[in-house]
Amino acid sequence: MVATIIVMADIGRLDWVLDLLRRIPMSDKVCHFFLVGTLGYLFNQALNLRKFGPLLLGSLVIAIVLTAEEISQRWVPGRTFDYGDMAANIAGCVAADLLSRRRKG
């Protein structure tokens, strides 16, 4: 789902959605937080809460992949790199990690 959203945004198929979101303050960051957080949570569950050091592997993988994707936007015409988006992605991963641990017990 997230990969589809990224590709559609990259090729300009979500411009109408992005235009609507731009009208609502902070909606882009909220969407990043919830989409990435949901993806991280589901990935943690799929990996049976496997850890990599102190972190859950699912959250870590999602954080790395989506940080790389955000950075890659510097070279994609029509897309823009945004530290705020990256921060919302990381915050979503942290929330996914914490919620996954809480749901375990």
PDB file of N, CA and C in Angstrom:
ATOM      1  N   MET A   1       0.829  -1.189   0.000  1.00  0.00           N
ATOM      2  CA  MET A   1       0.000   0.000   0.000  1.00  0.00           C
ATOM      3  C   MET A   1       0.876   1.256   0.000  1.00  0.00           C
ATOM      4  N   VAL A   2       1.864   1.302   0.896  1.00  0.00           N
ATOM      5  CA  VAL A   2       2.728   2.467   0.980  1.00  0.00           C
ATOM      6  C   VAL A   2       3.547   2.618  -0.297  1.00  0.00           C
ATOM      7  N   ALA A   3       4.049   1.506  -0.834  1.00  0.00           N
ATOM      8  CA  ALA A   3       4.815   1.560  -2.081  1.00  0.00           C
ATOM      9  C   ALA A   3       3.945   2.111  -3.215  1.00  0.00           C
ATOM     10  N   THR A   4       2.697   1.714  -3.267  1.00  0.00           N
ATOM     11  CA  THR A   4       1.780   2.212  -4.289  1.00  0.00           C
ATOM     12  C   THR A   4       1.582   3.712  -4.142  1.00  0.00           C
ATOM     13  N   ILE A   5       1.401   4.178  -2.915  1.00  0.00           N
ATOM     14  CA  ILE A   5       1.237   5.609  -2.664  1.00  0.00           C
ATOM     15  C   ILE A   5       2.482   6.375  -3.107  1.00  0.00           C
ATOM     16  N   ILE A   6       3.657   5.847  -2.789  1.00  0.00           N
ATOM     17  CA  ILE A   6       4.907   6.514  -3.162  1.00  0.00           C
ATOM     18  C   ILE A   6       5.042   6.601  -4.675  1.00  0.00           C
ATOM     19  N   VAL A   7       4.809   5.489  -5.358  1.00  0.00           N
ATOM     20  CA  VAL A   7       4.932   5.481  -6.821  1.00  0.00           C
ATOM     21  C   VAL A   7       3.908   6.423  -7.451  1.00  0.00           C
ATOM     22  N   MET A   8       2.676   6.378  -6.984  1.00  0.00           N
ATOM     23  CA  MET A   8       1.645   7.255  -7.542  1.00  0.00           C
ATOM     24  C   MET A   8       1.992   8.726  -7.324  1.00  0.00           C
ATOM     25  N   ALA A   9       2.546   9.052  -6.160  1.00  0.00           N
ATOM     26  CA  ALA A   9       2.968  10.431  -5.906  1.00  0.00           C
ATOM     27  C   ALA A   9       4.129  10.805  -6.826  1.00  0.00           C
ATOM     28  N   ASP A  10       5.060   9.873  -7.024  1.00  0.00           N
ATOM     29  CA  ASP A  10       6.228  10.134  -7.879  1.00  0.00           C
ATOM     30  C   ASP A  10       5.828  10.408  -9.332  1.00  0.00           C
ATOM     31  N   ILE A  11       4.782   9.751  -9.816  1.00  0.00           N
ATOM     32  CA  ILE A  11       4.384   9.941 -11.218  1.00  0.00           C
ATOM     33  C   ILE A  11       3.263  10.968 -11.373  1.00  0.00           C
ATOM     34  N   GLY A  12       2.905  11.631 -10.269  1.00  0.00           N
ATOM     35  CA  GLY A  12       1.931  12.719 -10.354  1.00  0.00           C
ATOM     36  C   GLY A  12       0.477  12.308 -10.311  1.00  0.00           C
ATOM     37  N   ARG A  13       0.193  11.046  -9.983  1.00  0.00           N
ATOM     38  CA  ARG A  13      -1.199  10.575  -9.964  1.00  0.00           C
ATOM     39  C   ARG A  13      -1.953  10.975  -8.697  1.00  0.00           C
ATOM     40  N   LEU A  14      -1.242  11.480  -7.689  1.00  0.00           N
ATOM     41  CA  LEU A  14      -1.899  11.876  -6.440  1.00  0.00           C
ATOM     42  C   LEU A  14      -1.915  13.387  -6.249  1.00  0.00           C
ATOM     43  N   ASP A  15      -1.649  14.135  -7.302  1.00  0.00           N
ATOM     44  CA  ASP A  15      -1.605  15.592  -7.171  1.00  0.00           C
ATOM     45  C   ASP A  15      -2.894  16.158  -6.597  1.00  0.00           C
ATOM     46  N   TRP A  16      -4.037  15.614  -7.012  1.00  0.00           N
ATOM     47  CA  TRP A  16      -5.316  16.120  -6.521  1.00  0.00           C
ATOM     48  C   TRP A  16      -5.479  15.862  -5.027  1.00  0.00           C
ATOM     49  N   VAL A  17      -4.993  14.726  -4.535  1.00  0.00           N
ATOM     50  CA  VAL A  17      -5.061  14.423  -3.104  1.00  0.00           C
ATOM     51  C   VAL A  17      -4.107  15.336  -2.347  1.00  0.00           C
ATOM     52  N   LEU A  18      -2.907  15.480  -2.873  1.00  0.00           N
ATOM     53  CA  LEU A  18      -1.916  16.339  -2.225  1.00  0.00           C
ATOM     54  C   LEU A  18      -2.378  17.785  -2.182  1.00  0.00           C
ATOM     55  N   ASP A  19      -3.047  18.242  -3.220  1.00  0.00           N
ATOM     56  CA  ASP A  19      -3.593  19.604  -3.227  1.00  0.00           C
ATOM     57  C   ASP A  19      -4.632  19.784  -2.126  1.00  0.00           C
ATOM     58  N   LEU A  20      -5.485  18.778  -1.922  1.00  0.00           N
ATOM     59  CA  LEU A  20      -6.472  18.841  -0.837  1.00  0.00           C
ATOM     60  C   LEU A  20      -5.792  18.861   0.525  1.00  0.00           C
ATOM     61  N   LEU A  21      -4.791  18.006   0.698  1.00  0.00           N
ATOM     62  CA  LEU A  21      -4.099  17.938   1.985  1.00  0.00           C
ATOM     63  C   LEU A  21      -3.360  19.232   2.314  1.00  0.00           C
ATOM     64  N   ARG A  22      -2.847  19.908   1.304  1.00  0.00           N
ATOM     65  CA  ARG A  22      -2.119  21.167   1.527  1.00  0.00           C
ATOM     66  C   ARG A  22      -3.017  22.241   2.135  1.00  0.00           C
ATOM     67  N   ARG A  23      -4.307  22.109   1.970  1.00  0.00           N
ATOM     68  CA  ARG A  23      -5.260  23.090   2.518  1.00  0.00           C
ATOM     69  C   ARG A  23      -5.466  22.905   4.022  1.00  0.00           C
ATOM     70  N   ILE A  24      -5.096  21.749   4.553  1.00  0.00           N
ATOM     71  CA  ILE A  24      -5.287  21.456   5.980  1.00  0.00           C
ATOM     72  C   ILE A  24      -3.918  21.502   6.652  1.00  0.00           C
ATOM     73  N   PRO A  25      -3.733  22.417   7.606  1.00  0.00           N
ATOM     74  CA  PRO A  25      -2.423  22.542   8.255  1.00  0.00           C
ATOM     75  C   PRO A  25      -1.961  21.224   8.893  1.00  0.00           C
ATOM     76  N   MET A  26      -0.719  20.874   8.644  1.00  0.00           N
ATOM     77  CA  MET A  26      -0.043  19.709   9.222  1.00  0.00           C
ATOM     78  C   MET A  26      -0.611  18.357   8.766  1.00  0.00           C
ATOM     79  N   SER A  27      -1.556  18.350   7.834  1.00  0.00           N
ATOM     80  CA  SER A  27      -2.164  17.083   7.419  1.00  0.00           C
ATOM     81  C   SER A  27      -1.148  16.153   6.772  1.00  0.00           C
ATOM     82  N   ASP A  28      -0.192  16.706   6.051  1.00  0.00           N
ATOM     83  CA  ASP A  28       0.840  15.885   5.420  1.00  0.00           C
ATOM     84  C   ASP A  28       1.647  15.140   6.480  1.00  0.00           C
ATOM     85  N   LYS A  29       2.028  15.839   7.536  1.00  0.00           N
ATOM     86  CA  LYS A  29       2.828  15.215   8.602  1.00  0.00           C
ATOM     87  C   LYS A  29       2.003  14.172   9.357  1.00  0.00           C
ATOM     88  N   VAL A  30       0.746  14.473   9.590  1.00  0.00           N
ATOM     89  CA  VAL A  30      -0.150  13.517  10.268  1.00  0.00           C
ATOM     90  C   VAL A  30      -0.307  12.258   9.426  1.00  0.00           C
ATOM     91  N   CYS A  31      -0.461  12.427   8.120  1.00  0.00           N
ATOM     92  CA  CYS A  31      -0.577  11.264   7.225  1.00  0.00           C
ATOM     93  C   CYS A  31       0.703  10.437   7.235  1.00  0.00           C
ATOM     94  N   HIS A  32       1.855  11.101   7.179  1.00  0.00           N
ATOM     95  CA  HIS A  32       3.129  10.378   7.258  1.00  0.00           C
ATOM     96  C   HIS A  32       3.190   9.572   8.551  1.00  0.00           C
ATOM     97  N   PHE A  33       2.877  10.216   9.668  1.00  0.00           N
ATOM     98  CA  PHE A  33       2.942   9.550  10.972  1.00  0.00           C
ATOM     99  C   PHE A  33       2.055   8.303  11.007  1.00  0.00           C
ATOM    100  N   PHE A  34       0.801   8.443  10.607  1.00  0.00           N
ATOM    101  CA  PHE A  34      -0.124   7.317  10.717  1.00  0.00           C
ATOM    102  C   PHE A  34       0.133   6.226   9.676  1.00  0.00           C
ATOM    103  N   LEU A  35       0.447   6.591   8.453  1.00  0.00           N
ATOM    104  CA  LEU A  35       0.731   5.562   7.441  1.00  0.00           C
ATOM    105  C   LEU A  35       1.989   4.775   7.781  1.00  0.00           C
ATOM    106  N   VAL A  36       3.039   5.476   8.137  1.00  0.00           N
ATOM    107  CA  VAL A  36       4.300   4.803   8.472  1.00  0.00           C
ATOM    108  C   VAL A  36       4.161   4.037   9.782  1.00  0.00           C
ATOM    109  N   GLY A  37       3.483   4.622  10.748  1.00  0.00           N
ATOM    110  CA  GLY A  37       3.263   3.928  12.016  1.00  0.00           C
ATOM    111  C   GLY A  37       2.474   2.641  11.834  1.00  0.00           C
ATOM    112  N   THR A  38       1.441   2.690  11.017  1.00  0.00           N
ATOM    113  CA  THR A  38       0.650   1.494  10.742  1.00  0.00           C
ATOM    114  C   THR A  38       1.497   0.440  10.037  1.00  0.00           C
ATOM    115  N   LEU A  39       2.259   0.876   9.051  1.00  0.00           N
ATOM    116  CA  LEU A  39       3.130  -0.061   8.337  1.00  0.00           C
ATOM    117  C   LEU A  39       4.149  -0.694   9.289  1.00  0.00           C
ATOM    118  N   GLY A  40       4.756   0.118  10.140  1.00  0.00           N
ATOM    119  CA  GLY A  40       5.722  -0.403  11.107  1.00  0.00           C
ATOM    120  C   GLY A  40       5.093  -1.389  12.076  1.00  0.00           C
ATOM    121  N   TYR A  41       3.909  -1.052  12.566  1.00  0.00           N
ATOM    122  CA  TYR A  41       3.212  -1.946  13.495  1.00  0.00           C
ATOM    123  C   TYR A  41       2.904  -3.285  12.831  1.00  0.00           C
ATOM    124  N   LEU A  42       2.365  -3.240  11.616  1.00  0.00           N
ATOM    125  CA  LEU A  42       2.032  -4.485  10.916  1.00  0.00           C
ATOM    126  C   LEU A  42       3.278  -5.306  10.606  1.00  0.00           C
ATOM    127  N   PHE A  43       4.367  -4.637  10.251  1.00  0.00           N
ATOM    128  CA  PHE A  43       5.609  -5.346   9.965  1.00  0.00           C
ATOM    129  C   PHE A  43       6.174  -5.975  11.244  1.00  0.00           C
ATOM    130  N   ASN A  44       6.072  -5.266  12.364  1.00  0.00           N
ATOM    131  CA  ASN A  44       6.503  -5.848  13.645  1.00  0.00           C
ATOM    132  C   ASN A  44       5.716  -7.116  13.957  1.00  0.00           C
ATOM    133  N   GLN A  45       4.413  -7.066  13.716  1.00  0.00           N
ATOM    134  CA  GLN A  45       3.577  -8.241  13.982  1.00  0.00           C
ATOM    135  C   GLN A  45       3.941  -9.387  13.038  1.00  0.00           C
ATOM    136  N   ALA A  46       4.174  -9.057  11.764  1.00  0.00           N
ATOM    137  CA  ALA A  46       4.525 -10.088  10.784  1.00  0.00           C
ATOM    138  C   ALA A  46       5.850 -10.770  11.140  1.00  0.00           C
ATOM    139  N   LEU A  47       6.740 -10.029  11.773  1.00  0.00           N
ATOM    140  CA  LEU A  47       8.046 -10.577  12.178  1.00  0.00           C
ATOM    141  C   LEU A  47       8.024 -11.129  13.604  1.00  0.00           C
ATOM    142  N   ASN A  48       6.820 -11.262  14.170  1.00  0.00           N
ATOM    143  CA  ASN A  48       6.654 -11.793  15.529  1.00  0.00           C
ATOM    144  C   ASN A  48       7.501 -11.041  16.552  1.00  0.00           C
ATOM    145  N   LEU A  49       7.522  -9.710  16.401  1.00  0.00           N
ATOM    146  CA  LEU A  49       8.217  -8.813  17.327  1.00  0.00           C
ATOM    147  C   LEU A  49       9.706  -9.131  17.464  1.00  0.00           C
ATOM    148  N   ARG A  50      10.306  -9.599  16.379  1.00  0.00           N
ATOM    149  CA  ARG A  50      11.738  -9.900  16.378  1.00  0.00           C
ATOM    150  C   ARG A  50      12.525  -8.622  16.630  1.00  0.00           C
ATOM    151  N   LYS A  51      13.570  -8.747  17.432  1.00  0.00           N
ATOM    152  CA  LYS A  51      14.388  -7.585  17.785  1.00  0.00           C
ATOM    153  C   LYS A  51      15.703  -7.566  17.031  1.00  0.00           C
ATOM    154  N   PHE A  52      16.225  -6.349  16.857  1.00  0.00           N
ATOM    155  CA  PHE A  52      17.575  -6.111  16.358  1.00  0.00           C
ATOM    156  C   PHE A  52      18.188  -5.166  17.366  1.00  0.00           C
ATOM    157  N   GLY A  53      18.975  -5.724  18.269  1.00  0.00           N
ATOM    158  CA  GLY A  53      19.466  -4.924  19.392  1.00  0.00           C
ATOM    159  C   GLY A  53      18.274  -4.533  20.256  1.00  0.00           C
ATOM    160  N   PRO A  54      18.201  -3.268  20.654  1.00  0.00           N
ATOM    161  CA  PRO A  54      17.084  -2.842  21.504  1.00  0.00           C
ATOM    162  C   PRO A  54      15.808  -2.504  20.727  1.00  0.00           C
ATOM    163  N   LEU A  55      15.884  -2.503  19.404  1.00  0.00           N
ATOM    164  CA  LEU A  55      14.749  -2.086  18.579  1.00  0.00           C
ATOM    165  C   LEU A  55      14.029  -3.277  17.970  1.00  0.00           C
ATOM    166  N   LEU A  56      12.747  -3.104  17.708  1.00  0.00           N
ATOM    167  CA  LEU A  56      12.026  -4.127  16.963  1.00  0.00           C
ATOM    168  C   LEU A  56      12.437  -4.015  15.503  1.00  0.00           C
ATOM    169  N   LEU A  57      12.731  -5.140  14.890  1.00  0.00           N
ATOM    170  CA  LEU A  57      13.264  -5.183  13.534  1.00  0.00           C
ATOM    171  C   LEU A  57      12.321  -4.535  12.519  1.00  0.00           C
ATOM    172  N   GLY A  58      11.030  -4.777  12.640  1.00  0.00           N
ATOM    173  CA  GLY A  58      10.075  -4.206  11.697  1.00  0.00           C
ATOM    174  C   GLY A  58      10.124  -2.686  11.691  1.00  0.00           C
ATOM    175  N   SER A  59      10.120  -2.077  12.871  1.00  0.00           N
ATOM    176  CA  SER A  59      10.188  -0.615  12.968  1.00  0.00           C
ATOM    177  C   SER A  59      11.491  -0.092  12.385  1.00  0.00           C
ATOM    178  N   LEU A  60      12.583  -0.785  12.668  1.00  0.00           N
ATOM    179  CA  LEU A  60      13.892  -0.359  12.179  1.00  0.00           C
ATOM    180  C   LEU A  60      13.962  -0.418  10.654  1.00  0.00           C
ATOM    181  N   VAL A  61      13.487  -1.509  10.076  1.00  0.00           N
ATOM    182  CA  VAL A  61      13.522  -1.654   8.610  1.00  0.00           C
ATOM    183  C   VAL A  61      12.676  -0.568   7.954  1.00  0.00           C
ATOM    184  N   ILE A  62      11.485  -0.343   8.467  1.00  0.00           N
ATOM    185  CA  ILE A  62      10.605   0.681   7.893  1.00  0.00           C
ATOM    186  C   ILE A  62      11.250   2.054   8.020  1.00  0.00           C
ATOM    187  N   ALA A  63      11.855   2.349   9.162  1.00  0.00           N
ATOM    188  CA  ALA A  63      12.520   3.646   9.344  1.00  0.00           C
ATOM    189  C   ALA A  63      13.637   3.838   8.328  1.00  0.00           C
ATOM    190  N   ILE A  64      14.436   2.824   8.114  1.00  0.00           N
ATOM    191  CA  ILE A  64      15.554   2.922   7.160  1.00  0.00           C
ATOM    192  C   ILE A  64      15.045   3.089   5.738  1.00  0.00           C
ATOM    193  N   VAL A  65      14.088   2.258   5.348  1.00  0.00           N
ATOM    194  CA  VAL A  65      13.579   2.303   3.971  1.00  0.00           C
ATOM    195  C   VAL A  65      12.909   3.644   3.679  1.00  0.00           C
ATOM    196  N   LEU A  66      12.080   4.131   4.604  1.00  0.00           N
ATOM    197  CA  LEU A  66      11.363   5.373   4.325  1.00  0.00           C
ATOM    198  C   LEU A  66      12.247   6.607   4.490  1.00  0.00           C
ATOM    199  N   THR A  67      13.309   6.512   5.286  1.00  0.00           N
ATOM    200  CA  THR A  67      14.288   7.603   5.318  1.00  0.00           C
ATOM    201  C   THR A  67      15.009   7.676   3.979  1.00  0.00           C
ATOM    202  N   ALA A  68      15.396   6.521   3.450  1.00  0.00           N
ATOM    203  CA  ALA A  68      16.037   6.483   2.126  1.00  0.00           C
ATOM    204  C   ALA A  68      15.085   7.007   1.050  1.00  0.00           C
ATOM    205  N   GLU A  69      13.815   6.640   1.138  1.00  0.00           N
ATOM    206  CA  GLU A  69      12.834   7.104   0.156  1.00  0.00           C
ATOM    207  C   GLU A  69      12.673   8.624   0.240  1.00  0.00           C
ATOM    208  N   GLU A  70      12.635   9.160   1.437  1.00  0.00           N
ATOM    209  CA  GLU A  70      12.502  10.613   1.590  1.00  0.00           C
ATOM    210  C   GLU A  70      13.725  11.324   1.011  1.00  0.00           C
ATOM    211  N   ILE A  71      14.903  10.810   1.294  1.00  0.00           N
ATOM    212  CA  ILE A  71      16.129  11.402   0.756  1.00  0.00           C
ATOM    213  C   ILE A  71      16.145  11.319  -0.767  1.00  0.00           C
ATOM    214  N   SER A  72      15.645  10.209  -1.317  1.00  0.00           N
ATOM    215  CA  SER A  72      15.646  10.033  -2.775  1.00  0.00           C
ATOM    216  C   SER A  72      14.796  11.079  -3.483  1.00  0.00           C
ATOM    217  N   GLN A  73      13.887  11.704  -2.763  1.00  0.00           N
ATOM    218  CA  GLN A  73      13.024  12.716  -3.372  1.00  0.00           C
ATOM    219  C   GLN A  73      13.808  13.937  -3.851  1.00  0.00           C
ATOM    220  N   ARG A  74      15.040  14.086  -3.375  1.00  0.00           N
ATOM    221  CA  ARG A  74      15.886  15.193  -3.851  1.00  0.00           C
ATOM    222  C   ARG A  74      16.135  15.079  -5.347  1.00  0.00           C
ATOM    223  N   TRP A  75      16.064  13.864  -5.885  1.00  0.00           N
ATOM    224  CA  TRP A  75      16.391  13.621  -7.283  1.00  0.00           C
ATOM    225  C   TRP A  75      15.184  13.245  -8.138  1.00  0.00           C
ATOM    226  N   VAL A  76      13.984  13.300  -7.564  1.00  0.00           N
ATOM    227  CA  VAL A  76      12.772  12.963  -8.325  1.00  0.00           C
ATOM    228  C   VAL A  76      12.057  14.272  -8.686  1.00  0.00           C
ATOM    229  N   PRO A  77      11.951  14.552  -9.982  1.00  0.00           N
ATOM    230  CA  PRO A  77      11.265  15.781 -10.396  1.00  0.00           C
ATOM    231  C   PRO A  77       9.836  15.827  -9.854  1.00  0.00           C
ATOM    232  N   GLY A  78       9.455  16.979  -9.340  1.00  0.00           N
ATOM    233  CA  GLY A  78       8.107  17.143  -8.814  1.00  0.00           C
ATOM    234  C   GLY A  78       7.952  16.742  -7.358  1.00  0.00           C
ATOM    235  N   ARG A  79       8.960  16.150  -6.764  1.00  0.00           N
ATOM    236  CA  ARG A  79       8.917  15.760  -5.342  1.00  0.00           C
ATOM    237  C   ARG A  79       9.919  16.617  -4.588  1.00  0.00           C
ATOM    238  N   THR A  80       9.713  16.782  -3.297  1.00  0.00           N
ATOM    239  CA  THR A  80      10.629  17.597  -2.500  1.00  0.00           C
ATOM    240  C   THR A  80      11.006  16.866  -1.227  1.00  0.00           C
ATOM    241  N   PHE A  81      12.284  16.935  -0.902  1.00  0.00           N
ATOM    242  CA  PHE A  81      12.785  16.400   0.361  1.00  0.00           C
ATOM    243  C   PHE A  81      12.307  17.308   1.480  1.00  0.00           C
ATOM    244  N   ASP A  82      11.866  16.714   2.594  1.00  0.00           N
ATOM    245  CA  ASP A  82      11.338  17.503   3.705  1.00  0.00           C
ATOM    246  C   ASP A  82      11.750  16.862   5.025  1.00  0.00           C
ATOM    247  N   TYR A  83      12.501  17.617   5.833  1.00  0.00           N
ATOM    248  CA  TYR A  83      12.897  17.108   7.145  1.00  0.00           C
ATOM    249  C   TYR A  83      11.684  16.819   8.027  1.00  0.00           C
ATOM    250  N   GLY A  84      10.619  17.616   7.862  1.00  0.00           N
ATOM    251  CA  GLY A  84       9.405  17.391   8.643  1.00  0.00           C
ATOM    252  C   GLY A  84       8.762  16.054   8.322  1.00  0.00           C
ATOM    253  N   ASP A  85       8.735  15.700   7.033  1.00  0.00           N
ATOM    254  CA  ASP A  85       8.199  14.393   6.635  1.00  0.00           C
ATOM    255  C   ASP A  85       9.053  13.278   7.221  1.00  0.00           C
ATOM    256  N   MET A  86      10.377  13.460   7.176  1.00  0.00           N
ATOM    257  CA  MET A  86      11.259  12.435   7.714  1.00  0.00           C
ATOM    258  C   MET A  86      11.055  12.295   9.230  1.00  0.00           C
ATOM    259  N   ALA A  87      10.891  13.413   9.912  1.00  0.00           N
ATOM    260  CA  ALA A  87      10.647  13.372  11.354  1.00  0.00           C
ATOM    261  C   ALA A  87       9.315  12.672  11.662  1.00  0.00           C
ATOM    262  N   ALA A  88       8.278  12.951  10.871  1.00  0.00           N
ATOM    263  CA  ALA A  88       6.985  12.291  11.075  1.00  0.00           C
ATOM    264  C   ALA A  88       7.099  10.794  10.816  1.00  0.00           C
ATOM    265  N   ASN A  89       7.895  10.406   9.806  1.00  0.00           N
ATOM    266  CA  ASN A  89       8.121   8.982   9.535  1.00  0.00           C
ATOM    267  C   ASN A  89       8.794   8.305  10.724  1.00  0.00           C
ATOM    268  N   ILE A  90       9.844   8.929  11.236  1.00  0.00           N
ATOM    269  CA  ILE A  90      10.579   8.353  12.381  1.00  0.00           C
ATOM    270  C   ILE A  90       9.663   8.288  13.602  1.00  0.00           C
ATOM    271  N   ALA A  91       8.896   9.339  13.833  1.00  0.00           N
ATOM    272  CA  ALA A  91       7.960   9.336  14.965  1.00  0.00           C
ATOM    273  C   ALA A  91       6.940   8.208  14.814  1.00  0.00           C
ATOM    274  N   GLY A  92       6.467   7.969  13.597  1.00  0.00           N
ATOM    275  CA  GLY A  92       5.540   6.862  13.354  1.00  0.00           C
ATOM    276  C   GLY A  92       6.181   5.519  13.668  1.00  0.00           C
ATOM    277  N   CYS A  93       7.458   5.371  13.323  1.00  0.00           N
ATOM    278  CA  CYS A  93       8.177   4.123  13.611  1.00  0.00           C
ATOM    279  C   CYS A  93       8.378   3.931  15.111  1.00  0.00           C
ATOM    280  N   VAL A  94       8.684   5.007  15.809  1.00  0.00           N
ATOM    281  CA  VAL A  94       8.838   4.928  17.270  1.00  0.00           C
ATOM    282  C   VAL A  94       7.502   4.541  17.904  1.00  0.00           C
ATOM    283  N   ALA A  95       6.420   5.170  17.448  1.00  0.00           N
ATOM    284  CA  ALA A  95       5.096   4.830  17.975  1.00  0.00           C
ATOM    285  C   ALA A  95       4.748   3.373  17.679  1.00  0.00           C
ATOM    286  N   ALA A  96       5.082   2.903  16.486  1.00  0.00           N
ATOM    287  CA  ALA A  96       4.826   1.500  16.122  1.00  0.00           C
ATOM    288  C   ALA A  96       5.602   0.565  17.028  1.00  0.00           C
ATOM    289  N   ASP A  97       6.850   0.906  17.302  1.00  0.00           N
ATOM    290  CA  ASP A  97       7.691   0.091  18.177  1.00  0.00           C
ATOM    291  C   ASP A  97       7.081   0.020  19.577  1.00  0.00           C
ATOM    292  N   LEU A  98       6.720   1.178  20.116  1.00  0.00           N
ATOM    293  CA  LEU A  98       6.157   1.226  21.473  1.00  0.00           C
ATOM    294  C   LEU A  98       4.805   0.509  21.557  1.00  0.00           C
ATOM    295  N   LEU A  99       3.951   0.733  20.575  1.00  0.00           N
ATOM    296  CA  LEU A  99       2.631   0.080  20.576  1.00  0.00           C
ATOM    297  C   LEU A  99       2.772  -1.427  20.411  1.00  0.00           C
ATOM    298  N   SER A 100       3.687  -1.853  19.561  1.00  0.00           N
ATOM    299  CA  SER A 100       3.905  -3.290  19.363  1.00  0.00           C
ATOM    300  C   SER A 100       4.357  -3.948  20.659  1.00  0.00           C
ATOM    301  N   ARG A 101       5.262  -3.301  21.380  1.00  0.00           N
ATOM    302  CA  ARG A 101       5.740  -3.855  22.657  1.00  0.00           C
ATOM    303  C   ARG A 101       4.610  -3.914  23.681  1.00  0.00           C
ATOM    304  N   ARG A 102       3.789  -2.900  23.692  1.00  0.00           N
ATOM    305  CA  ARG A 102       2.682  -2.838  24.646  1.00  0.00           C
ATOM    306  C   ARG A 102       1.644  -3.932  24.361  1.00  0.00           C
ATOM    307  N   ARG A 103       1.372  -4.163  23.089  1.00  0.00           N
ATOM    308  CA  ARG A 103       0.393  -5.175  22.698  1.00  0.00           C
ATOM    309  C   ARG A 103       0.884  -6.585  22.987  1.00  0.00           C
ATOM    310  N   LYS A 104       2.198  -6.743  23.090  1.00  0.00           N
ATOM    311  CA  LYS A 104       2.772  -8.073  23.353  1.00  0.00           C
ATOM    312  C   LYS A 104       2.344  -8.577  24.727  1.00  0.00           C
ATOM    313  N   GLY A 105       2.398  -7.682  25.709  1.00  0.00           N
ATOM    314  CA  GLY A 105       2.122  -8.090  27.084  1.00  0.00           C
ATOM    315  C   GLY A 105       0.682  -8.087  27.365  1.00  0.00           C
TER     316      GLY A 105
END
